């Protein structure tokens, strides 16, 4: 694992501690695929906050978004393109995703620590009382209450 991965992990823990969030951290084998990690952690797939970077083109420019959705769902690029009124949309290239998140694929938490990466959340995620996600590392996950996630995003 590279050092930038640990930087995101530390930034995430600092963010949670700054907001006085009660969370539970779990160590596990290296895994970032939604189905497999849900089985390893023993959580419901829809409880997992899956975060993926998308590349969006508009007439007036270009942006990257971190889409956060339940682990049981697939990213609906066409729906997001319509929502954003974008001209073109695709998943970001791995190199770009790593640059924007400082994470390996599958380790991206549902928070952006980069001013060039906006966050979009699938409302389906809000049906959970507690969510879980890889914590910027493929061998660590964090569980915490959704109300705390919303509180941090709104601050």
N, C-alpha and C. Protein backbone atom coordinates (compact mmCIF):
# COMPACT_ATOMS: atom_id res chain seq x y z
N UNK A 1 0.84 -1.19 0.00
CA UNK A 1 0.00 0.00 0.00
C UNK A 1 0.88 1.25 0.00
N UNK A 2 0.49 2.23 -0.76
CA UNK A 2 1.33 3.43 -0.84
C UNK A 2 1.00 4.42 0.28
N UNK A 3 1.90 5.38 0.50
CA UNK A 3 1.73 6.33 1.60
C UNK A 3 0.54 7.25 1.41
N UNK A 4 0.16 7.57 0.18
CA UNK A 4 -0.98 8.47 -0.02
C UNK A 4 -2.27 7.82 0.47
N UNK A 5 -2.35 6.50 0.40
CA UNK A 5 -3.54 5.81 0.91
C UNK A 5 -3.68 6.07 2.40
N UNK A 6 -2.58 6.02 3.13
CA UNK A 6 -2.64 6.29 4.56
C UNK A 6 -2.98 7.75 4.84
N UNK A 7 -2.62 8.65 3.96
CA UNK A 7 -2.96 10.05 4.12
C UNK A 7 -4.48 10.23 4.12
N UNK A 8 -5.17 9.60 3.20
CA UNK A 8 -6.63 9.68 3.16
C UNK A 8 -7.25 9.05 4.40
N UNK A 9 -6.70 7.93 4.81
CA UNK A 9 -7.16 7.25 6.03
C UNK A 9 -7.03 8.19 7.23
N UNK A 10 -5.90 8.83 7.37
CA UNK A 10 -5.69 9.75 8.49
C UNK A 10 -6.61 10.97 8.38
N UNK A 11 -6.77 11.51 7.16
CA UNK A 11 -7.67 12.66 6.97
C UNK A 11 -9.10 12.29 7.35
N UNK A 12 -9.51 11.09 7.00
CA UNK A 12 -10.86 10.62 7.34
C UNK A 12 -11.03 10.52 8.85
N UNK A 13 -10.08 9.89 9.52
CA UNK A 13 -10.18 9.76 10.98
C UNK A 13 -10.15 11.13 11.65
N UNK A 14 -9.32 12.03 11.14
CA UNK A 14 -9.29 13.39 11.70
C UNK A 14 -10.64 14.09 11.52
N UNK A 15 -11.26 13.91 10.34
CA UNK A 15 -12.57 14.51 10.09
C UNK A 15 -13.62 13.97 11.06
N UNK A 16 -13.65 12.68 11.24
CA UNK A 16 -14.63 12.07 12.14
C UNK A 16 -14.40 12.52 13.59
N UNK A 17 -13.15 12.58 13.99
CA UNK A 17 -12.84 13.03 15.35
C UNK A 17 -13.16 14.51 15.55
N UNK A 18 -12.89 15.32 14.54
CA UNK A 18 -13.20 16.76 14.60
C UNK A 18 -14.69 16.98 14.83
N UNK A 19 -15.51 16.14 14.20
CA UNK A 19 -16.97 16.26 14.33
C UNK A 19 -17.53 15.41 15.46
N UNK A 20 -16.65 14.87 16.28
CA UNK A 20 -17.03 14.06 17.45
C UNK A 20 -17.99 12.93 17.08
N UNK A 21 -17.64 12.23 16.01
CA UNK A 21 -18.46 11.11 15.54
C UNK A 21 -18.02 9.84 16.26
N UNK A 22 -19.01 9.11 16.75
CA UNK A 22 -18.74 7.79 17.31
C UNK A 22 -18.73 6.81 16.14
N UNK A 23 -17.63 6.11 15.98
CA UNK A 23 -17.53 5.17 14.87
C UNK A 23 -16.82 3.90 15.34
N UNK A 24 -16.98 2.86 14.54
CA UNK A 24 -16.35 1.58 14.82
C UNK A 24 -15.47 1.24 13.64
N UNK A 25 -14.20 1.00 13.91
CA UNK A 25 -13.25 0.66 12.86
C UNK A 25 -12.99 -0.84 12.90
N UNK A 26 -12.97 -1.45 11.72
CA UNK A 26 -12.77 -2.89 11.61
C UNK A 26 -11.58 -3.15 10.67
N UNK A 27 -10.69 -4.01 11.11
CA UNK A 27 -9.58 -4.44 10.26
C UNK A 27 -9.98 -5.74 9.58
N UNK A 28 -9.61 -5.88 8.30
CA UNK A 28 -9.98 -7.09 7.55
C UNK A 28 -8.98 -7.32 6.44
N UNK A 29 -9.15 -8.42 5.72
CA UNK A 29 -8.27 -8.71 4.59
C UNK A 29 -8.45 -7.63 3.53
N UNK A 30 -7.46 -7.46 2.67
CA UNK A 30 -7.52 -6.47 1.60
C UNK A 30 -8.65 -6.80 0.64
N UNK A 31 -9.62 -5.90 0.53
CA UNK A 31 -10.74 -6.11 -0.39
C UNK A 31 -11.44 -4.79 -0.64
N UNK A 32 -11.82 -4.55 -1.90
CA UNK A 32 -12.51 -3.33 -2.25
C UNK A 32 -13.76 -3.54 -3.08
N UNK A 33 -14.02 -4.77 -3.50
CA UNK A 33 -15.22 -5.04 -4.30
C UNK A 33 -16.43 -5.16 -3.38
N UNK A 34 -17.51 -4.50 -3.74
CA UNK A 34 -18.70 -4.38 -2.89
C UNK A 34 -19.24 -5.72 -2.39
N UNK A 35 -19.45 -6.65 -3.29
CA UNK A 35 -20.02 -7.94 -2.89
C UNK A 35 -19.11 -8.69 -1.94
N UNK A 36 -17.84 -8.74 -2.26
CA UNK A 36 -16.90 -9.50 -1.46
C UNK A 36 -16.67 -8.88 -0.08
N UNK A 37 -16.54 -7.56 -0.02
CA UNK A 37 -16.27 -6.93 1.27
C UNK A 37 -17.50 -6.99 2.18
N UNK A 38 -18.68 -6.94 1.62
CA UNK A 38 -19.89 -7.07 2.43
C UNK A 38 -19.92 -8.45 3.10
N UNK A 39 -19.54 -9.45 2.38
CA UNK A 39 -19.50 -10.80 2.94
C UNK A 39 -18.44 -10.91 4.03
N UNK A 40 -17.28 -10.33 3.80
CA UNK A 40 -16.20 -10.37 4.78
C UNK A 40 -16.60 -9.63 6.06
N UNK A 41 -17.19 -8.43 5.90
CA UNK A 41 -17.57 -7.62 7.07
C UNK A 41 -18.86 -8.11 7.72
N UNK A 42 -19.68 -8.81 6.95
CA UNK A 42 -20.96 -9.28 7.49
C UNK A 42 -22.04 -8.21 7.47
N UNK A 43 -21.91 -7.21 6.61
CA UNK A 43 -22.94 -6.17 6.51
C UNK A 43 -23.87 -6.44 5.32
N UNK A 44 -25.03 -5.79 5.34
CA UNK A 44 -25.93 -5.84 4.19
C UNK A 44 -25.30 -5.01 3.07
N UNK A 45 -25.43 -5.46 1.83
CA UNK A 45 -24.82 -4.73 0.71
C UNK A 45 -25.35 -3.31 0.61
N UNK A 46 -26.64 -3.14 0.85
CA UNK A 46 -27.23 -1.80 0.74
C UNK A 46 -26.76 -0.86 1.86
N UNK A 47 -26.16 -1.41 2.90
CA UNK A 47 -25.65 -0.63 4.02
C UNK A 47 -24.28 -0.01 3.69
N UNK A 48 -23.59 -0.59 2.72
CA UNK A 48 -22.26 -0.11 2.36
C UNK A 48 -22.37 1.16 1.52
N UNK A 49 -21.51 2.12 1.83
CA UNK A 49 -21.45 3.36 1.04
C UNK A 49 -20.34 3.18 0.01
N UNK A 50 -20.72 2.89 -1.21
CA UNK A 50 -19.77 2.70 -2.32
C UNK A 50 -19.50 4.07 -2.93
N UNK A 51 -18.23 4.39 -3.13
CA UNK A 51 -17.86 5.70 -3.67
C UNK A 51 -17.05 5.51 -4.95
N UNK A 52 -17.52 6.13 -6.03
CA UNK A 52 -16.87 6.00 -7.33
C UNK A 52 -16.72 7.38 -7.97
N UNK A 53 -15.62 7.58 -8.67
CA UNK A 53 -15.35 8.87 -9.30
C UNK A 53 -15.82 8.83 -10.76
N UNK A 54 -16.59 9.85 -11.12
CA UNK A 54 -17.05 9.97 -12.50
C UNK A 54 -16.52 11.25 -13.12
N UNK A 55 -16.38 11.21 -14.42
CA UNK A 55 -15.83 12.29 -15.23
C UNK A 55 -16.99 12.89 -16.03
N UNK A 56 -17.26 14.17 -15.83
CA UNK A 56 -18.44 14.81 -16.42
C UNK A 56 -18.03 16.01 -17.27
N UNK A 57 -18.55 16.04 -18.50
CA UNK A 57 -18.29 17.16 -19.41
C UNK A 57 -19.55 17.97 -19.63
N UNK A 58 -19.39 19.28 -19.56
CA UNK A 58 -20.47 20.23 -19.81
C UNK A 58 -20.04 21.15 -20.95
N UNK A 59 -20.99 21.87 -21.51
CA UNK A 59 -20.63 22.86 -22.53
C UNK A 59 -19.65 23.89 -21.95
N UNK A 60 -19.87 24.24 -20.68
CA UNK A 60 -19.05 25.27 -20.07
C UNK A 60 -17.82 24.72 -19.34
N UNK A 61 -17.52 23.43 -19.47
CA UNK A 61 -16.32 22.91 -18.82
C UNK A 61 -16.40 21.44 -18.46
N UNK A 62 -15.63 21.10 -17.46
CA UNK A 62 -15.41 19.72 -17.10
C UNK A 62 -15.30 19.62 -15.58
N UNK A 63 -15.90 18.58 -14.98
CA UNK A 63 -15.82 18.38 -13.53
C UNK A 63 -15.74 16.90 -13.22
N UNK A 64 -15.23 16.62 -12.02
CA UNK A 64 -15.24 15.26 -11.50
C UNK A 64 -16.16 15.21 -10.29
N UNK A 65 -16.85 14.12 -10.15
CA UNK A 65 -17.77 13.92 -9.03
C UNK A 65 -17.48 12.60 -8.35
N UNK A 66 -17.62 12.60 -7.04
CA UNK A 66 -17.57 11.37 -6.26
C UNK A 66 -19.03 10.97 -6.05
N UNK A 67 -19.43 9.88 -6.67
CA UNK A 67 -20.79 9.40 -6.49
C UNK A 67 -20.79 8.40 -5.35
N UNK A 68 -21.73 8.58 -4.43
CA UNK A 68 -21.83 7.70 -3.26
C UNK A 68 -23.19 7.03 -3.31
N UNK A 69 -23.19 5.71 -3.28
CA UNK A 69 -24.43 4.96 -3.40
C UNK A 69 -24.34 3.68 -2.59
N UNK A 70 -25.49 3.06 -2.34
CA UNK A 70 -25.46 1.78 -1.62
C UNK A 70 -24.67 0.74 -2.41
N UNK A 71 -23.95 -0.11 -1.70
CA UNK A 71 -23.14 -1.14 -2.34
C UNK A 71 -23.94 -2.11 -3.17
N UNK A 72 -25.24 -2.18 -2.93
CA UNK A 72 -26.11 -3.09 -3.70
C UNK A 72 -26.49 -2.50 -5.05
N UNK A 73 -26.23 -1.22 -5.25
CA UNK A 73 -26.64 -0.54 -6.48
C UNK A 73 -25.48 -0.38 -7.45
N UNK A 74 -25.82 -0.19 -8.70
CA UNK A 74 -24.83 0.12 -9.74
C UNK A 74 -25.00 1.60 -10.09
N UNK A 75 -23.91 2.25 -10.44
CA UNK A 75 -23.95 3.65 -10.83
C UNK A 75 -24.74 3.76 -12.14
N UNK A 76 -25.75 4.64 -12.13
CA UNK A 76 -26.56 4.88 -13.31
C UNK A 76 -26.05 6.18 -13.96
N UNK A 77 -25.10 6.01 -14.88
CA UNK A 77 -24.48 7.18 -15.50
C UNK A 77 -25.47 8.05 -16.25
N UNK A 78 -26.42 7.43 -16.92
CA UNK A 78 -27.40 8.20 -17.68
C UNK A 78 -28.27 9.06 -16.75
N UNK A 79 -28.67 8.51 -15.63
CA UNK A 79 -29.47 9.27 -14.65
C UNK A 79 -28.66 10.45 -14.11
N UNK A 80 -27.40 10.23 -13.80
CA UNK A 80 -26.54 11.30 -13.30
C UNK A 80 -26.31 12.35 -14.38
N UNK A 81 -26.11 11.91 -15.62
CA UNK A 81 -25.92 12.85 -16.73
C UNK A 81 -27.14 13.76 -16.85
N UNK A 82 -28.32 13.18 -16.76
CA UNK A 82 -29.56 13.96 -16.85
C UNK A 82 -29.68 14.91 -15.65
N UNK A 83 -29.42 14.41 -14.45
CA UNK A 83 -29.50 15.21 -13.23
C UNK A 83 -28.58 16.43 -13.30
N UNK A 84 -27.37 16.21 -13.79
CA UNK A 84 -26.38 17.30 -13.87
C UNK A 84 -26.50 18.15 -15.13
N UNK A 85 -27.38 17.72 -16.05
CA UNK A 85 -27.53 18.40 -17.34
C UNK A 85 -26.17 18.43 -18.07
N UNK A 86 -25.51 17.28 -18.04
CA UNK A 86 -24.17 17.16 -18.64
C UNK A 86 -24.28 16.68 -20.08
N UNK A 87 -23.24 16.95 -20.83
CA UNK A 87 -23.17 16.50 -22.22
C UNK A 87 -22.64 15.08 -22.32
N UNK A 88 -21.66 14.78 -21.48
CA UNK A 88 -21.01 13.47 -21.55
C UNK A 88 -20.60 13.05 -20.14
N UNK A 89 -20.65 11.75 -19.87
CA UNK A 89 -20.30 11.25 -18.55
C UNK A 89 -19.68 9.86 -18.68
N UNK A 90 -18.69 9.59 -17.83
CA UNK A 90 -18.06 8.26 -17.83
C UNK A 90 -17.37 8.08 -16.48
N UNK A 91 -16.94 6.86 -16.20
CA UNK A 91 -16.14 6.64 -15.01
C UNK A 91 -14.77 7.25 -15.25
N UNK A 92 -14.21 7.85 -14.21
CA UNK A 92 -12.88 8.44 -14.34
C UNK A 92 -11.84 7.33 -14.54
N UNK A 93 -10.81 7.65 -15.27
CA UNK A 93 -9.71 6.70 -15.45
C UNK A 93 -9.07 6.45 -14.08
N UNK A 94 -8.53 5.26 -13.88
CA UNK A 94 -7.94 4.88 -12.60
C UNK A 94 -6.88 5.88 -12.14
N UNK A 95 -6.06 6.32 -13.05
CA UNK A 95 -5.00 7.29 -12.72
C UNK A 95 -5.60 8.59 -12.16
N UNK A 96 -6.67 9.05 -12.77
CA UNK A 96 -7.35 10.27 -12.33
C UNK A 96 -8.01 10.05 -10.97
N UNK A 97 -8.69 8.90 -10.81
CA UNK A 97 -9.33 8.57 -9.54
C UNK A 97 -8.31 8.57 -8.41
N UNK A 98 -7.16 7.97 -8.64
CA UNK A 98 -6.12 7.91 -7.60
C UNK A 98 -5.60 9.31 -7.28
N UNK A 99 -5.44 10.15 -8.30
CA UNK A 99 -4.95 11.52 -8.08
C UNK A 99 -5.95 12.34 -7.26
N UNK A 100 -7.23 12.18 -7.55
CA UNK A 100 -8.27 12.96 -6.87
C UNK A 100 -8.58 12.47 -5.46
N UNK A 101 -8.41 11.17 -5.22
CA UNK A 101 -8.81 10.60 -3.92
C UNK A 101 -7.64 10.15 -3.06
N UNK A 102 -6.47 10.01 -3.66
CA UNK A 102 -5.31 9.45 -2.96
C UNK A 102 -5.62 8.06 -2.42
N UNK A 103 -6.42 7.30 -3.14
CA UNK A 103 -6.82 5.96 -2.71
C UNK A 103 -6.64 4.96 -3.85
N UNK A 104 -6.48 3.72 -3.45
CA UNK A 104 -6.52 2.64 -4.42
C UNK A 104 -7.98 2.39 -4.78
N UNK A 105 -8.21 1.81 -5.92
CA UNK A 105 -9.56 1.46 -6.35
C UNK A 105 -10.21 0.55 -5.31
N UNK A 106 -11.43 0.90 -4.91
CA UNK A 106 -12.16 0.11 -3.91
C UNK A 106 -11.97 0.60 -2.49
N UNK A 107 -11.04 1.51 -2.27
CA UNK A 107 -10.77 2.01 -0.91
C UNK A 107 -11.33 3.40 -0.66
N UNK A 108 -11.94 4.01 -1.67
CA UNK A 108 -12.39 5.40 -1.59
C UNK A 108 -13.52 5.56 -0.57
N UNK A 109 -13.34 6.43 0.43
CA UNK A 109 -14.41 6.69 1.39
C UNK A 109 -15.46 7.63 0.79
N UNK A 110 -16.62 7.74 1.42
CA UNK A 110 -17.69 8.60 0.87
C UNK A 110 -17.53 10.08 1.19
N UNK A 111 -16.31 10.54 1.28
CA UNK A 111 -15.99 11.94 1.54
C UNK A 111 -14.95 12.39 0.51
N UNK A 112 -15.01 13.65 0.14
CA UNK A 112 -14.00 14.21 -0.74
C UNK A 112 -13.07 15.10 0.07
N UNK A 113 -11.79 14.88 -0.11
CA UNK A 113 -10.78 15.72 0.52
C UNK A 113 -10.06 16.54 -0.53
N UNK A 114 -10.70 16.70 -1.69
CA UNK A 114 -10.11 17.41 -2.81
C UNK A 114 -11.13 18.42 -3.34
N UNK A 115 -10.73 19.67 -3.43
CA UNK A 115 -11.65 20.73 -3.86
C UNK A 115 -12.17 20.53 -5.29
N UNK A 116 -11.47 19.71 -6.08
CA UNK A 116 -11.89 19.45 -7.45
C UNK A 116 -12.80 18.23 -7.59
N UNK A 117 -13.21 17.67 -6.47
CA UNK A 117 -14.05 16.48 -6.48
C UNK A 117 -15.33 16.74 -5.68
N UNK A 118 -16.42 17.00 -6.40
CA UNK A 118 -17.72 17.27 -5.78
C UNK A 118 -18.40 15.95 -5.43
N UNK A 119 -19.28 15.97 -4.44
CA UNK A 119 -19.95 14.75 -3.98
C UNK A 119 -21.41 14.75 -4.39
N UNK A 120 -21.86 13.60 -4.93
CA UNK A 120 -23.27 13.37 -5.24
C UNK A 120 -23.68 12.10 -4.50
N UNK A 121 -24.79 12.16 -3.78
CA UNK A 121 -25.22 11.01 -2.99
C UNK A 121 -26.54 10.47 -3.52
N UNK A 122 -26.59 9.18 -3.71
CA UNK A 122 -27.83 8.50 -4.09
C UNK A 122 -28.74 8.50 -2.87
N UNK A 123 -29.95 9.06 -2.98
CA UNK A 123 -30.86 9.12 -1.83
C UNK A 123 -31.19 7.75 -1.24
N UNK A 124 -31.00 6.68 -2.00
CA UNK A 124 -31.24 5.34 -1.48
C UNK A 124 -30.35 5.04 -0.27
N UNK A 125 -29.17 5.65 -0.22
CA UNK A 125 -28.26 5.43 0.90
C UNK A 125 -28.89 5.89 2.21
N UNK A 126 -29.74 6.92 2.14
CA UNK A 126 -30.35 7.50 3.33
C UNK A 126 -31.38 6.58 4.00
N UNK A 127 -31.67 5.45 3.40
CA UNK A 127 -32.60 4.50 4.01
C UNK A 127 -31.95 3.70 5.14
N UNK A 128 -30.64 3.82 5.28
CA UNK A 128 -29.90 3.09 6.31
C UNK A 128 -29.76 3.92 7.57
N UNK A 129 -29.79 3.23 8.70
CA UNK A 129 -29.51 3.91 9.97
C UNK A 129 -28.00 4.00 10.18
N UNK A 130 -27.30 2.96 9.76
CA UNK A 130 -25.85 2.90 9.90
C UNK A 130 -25.25 2.53 8.54
N UNK A 131 -24.12 3.15 8.21
CA UNK A 131 -23.44 2.82 6.96
C UNK A 131 -22.03 2.33 7.29
N UNK A 132 -21.43 1.66 6.31
CA UNK A 132 -20.06 1.16 6.44
C UNK A 132 -19.35 1.39 5.12
N UNK A 133 -18.05 1.63 5.19
CA UNK A 133 -17.28 1.90 3.96
C UNK A 133 -15.81 1.64 4.21
N UNK A 134 -15.09 1.37 3.14
CA UNK A 134 -13.63 1.26 3.25
C UNK A 134 -13.10 2.65 3.57
N UNK A 135 -12.14 2.67 4.48
CA UNK A 135 -11.69 3.92 5.08
C UNK A 135 -10.43 4.48 4.44
N UNK A 136 -10.41 4.53 3.09
CA UNK A 136 -9.24 5.03 2.42
C UNK A 136 -8.15 3.98 2.30
N UNK A 137 -8.43 2.81 2.84
CA UNK A 137 -7.52 1.66 2.79
C UNK A 137 -8.36 0.42 2.50
N UNK A 138 -7.76 -0.53 1.83
CA UNK A 138 -8.48 -1.77 1.50
C UNK A 138 -8.56 -2.73 2.68
N UNK A 139 -7.84 -2.44 3.77
CA UNK A 139 -7.84 -3.34 4.93
C UNK A 139 -8.52 -2.75 6.16
N UNK A 140 -9.23 -1.64 5.98
CA UNK A 140 -9.94 -1.00 7.10
C UNK A 140 -11.32 -0.53 6.64
N UNK A 141 -12.29 -0.73 7.51
CA UNK A 141 -13.64 -0.21 7.26
C UNK A 141 -14.11 0.55 8.48
N UNK A 142 -15.02 1.47 8.24
CA UNK A 142 -15.60 2.25 9.33
C UNK A 142 -17.11 2.14 9.25
N UNK A 143 -17.72 1.89 10.42
CA UNK A 143 -19.16 1.90 10.59
C UNK A 143 -19.50 3.15 11.37
N UNK A 144 -20.54 3.86 10.95
CA UNK A 144 -21.08 4.93 11.78
C UNK A 144 -22.49 5.26 11.33
N UNK A 145 -23.17 6.06 12.16
CA UNK A 145 -24.57 6.37 11.90
C UNK A 145 -24.71 7.34 10.74
N UNK A 146 -25.71 7.10 9.92
CA UNK A 146 -25.96 7.94 8.76
C UNK A 146 -26.22 9.38 9.17
N UNK A 147 -26.87 9.58 10.30
CA UNK A 147 -27.15 10.96 10.74
C UNK A 147 -25.84 11.75 10.92
N UNK A 148 -24.77 11.06 11.33
CA UNK A 148 -23.48 11.73 11.46
C UNK A 148 -22.87 12.05 10.09
N UNK A 149 -23.06 11.16 9.14
CA UNK A 149 -22.59 11.41 7.78
C UNK A 149 -23.27 12.66 7.22
N UNK A 150 -24.57 12.73 7.38
CA UNK A 150 -25.32 13.90 6.87
C UNK A 150 -24.86 15.17 7.58
N UNK A 151 -24.65 15.08 8.88
CA UNK A 151 -24.22 16.24 9.66
C UNK A 151 -22.87 16.77 9.18
N UNK A 152 -21.94 15.86 8.89
CA UNK A 152 -20.62 16.27 8.40
C UNK A 152 -20.74 16.91 7.02
N UNK A 153 -21.51 16.29 6.14
CA UNK A 153 -21.65 16.83 4.78
C UNK A 153 -22.31 18.21 4.78
N UNK A 154 -23.20 18.45 5.73
CA UNK A 154 -23.92 19.74 5.78
C UNK A 154 -23.13 20.82 6.48
N UNK A 155 -22.02 20.46 7.13
CA UNK A 155 -21.26 21.47 7.91
C UNK A 155 -20.32 22.27 7.01
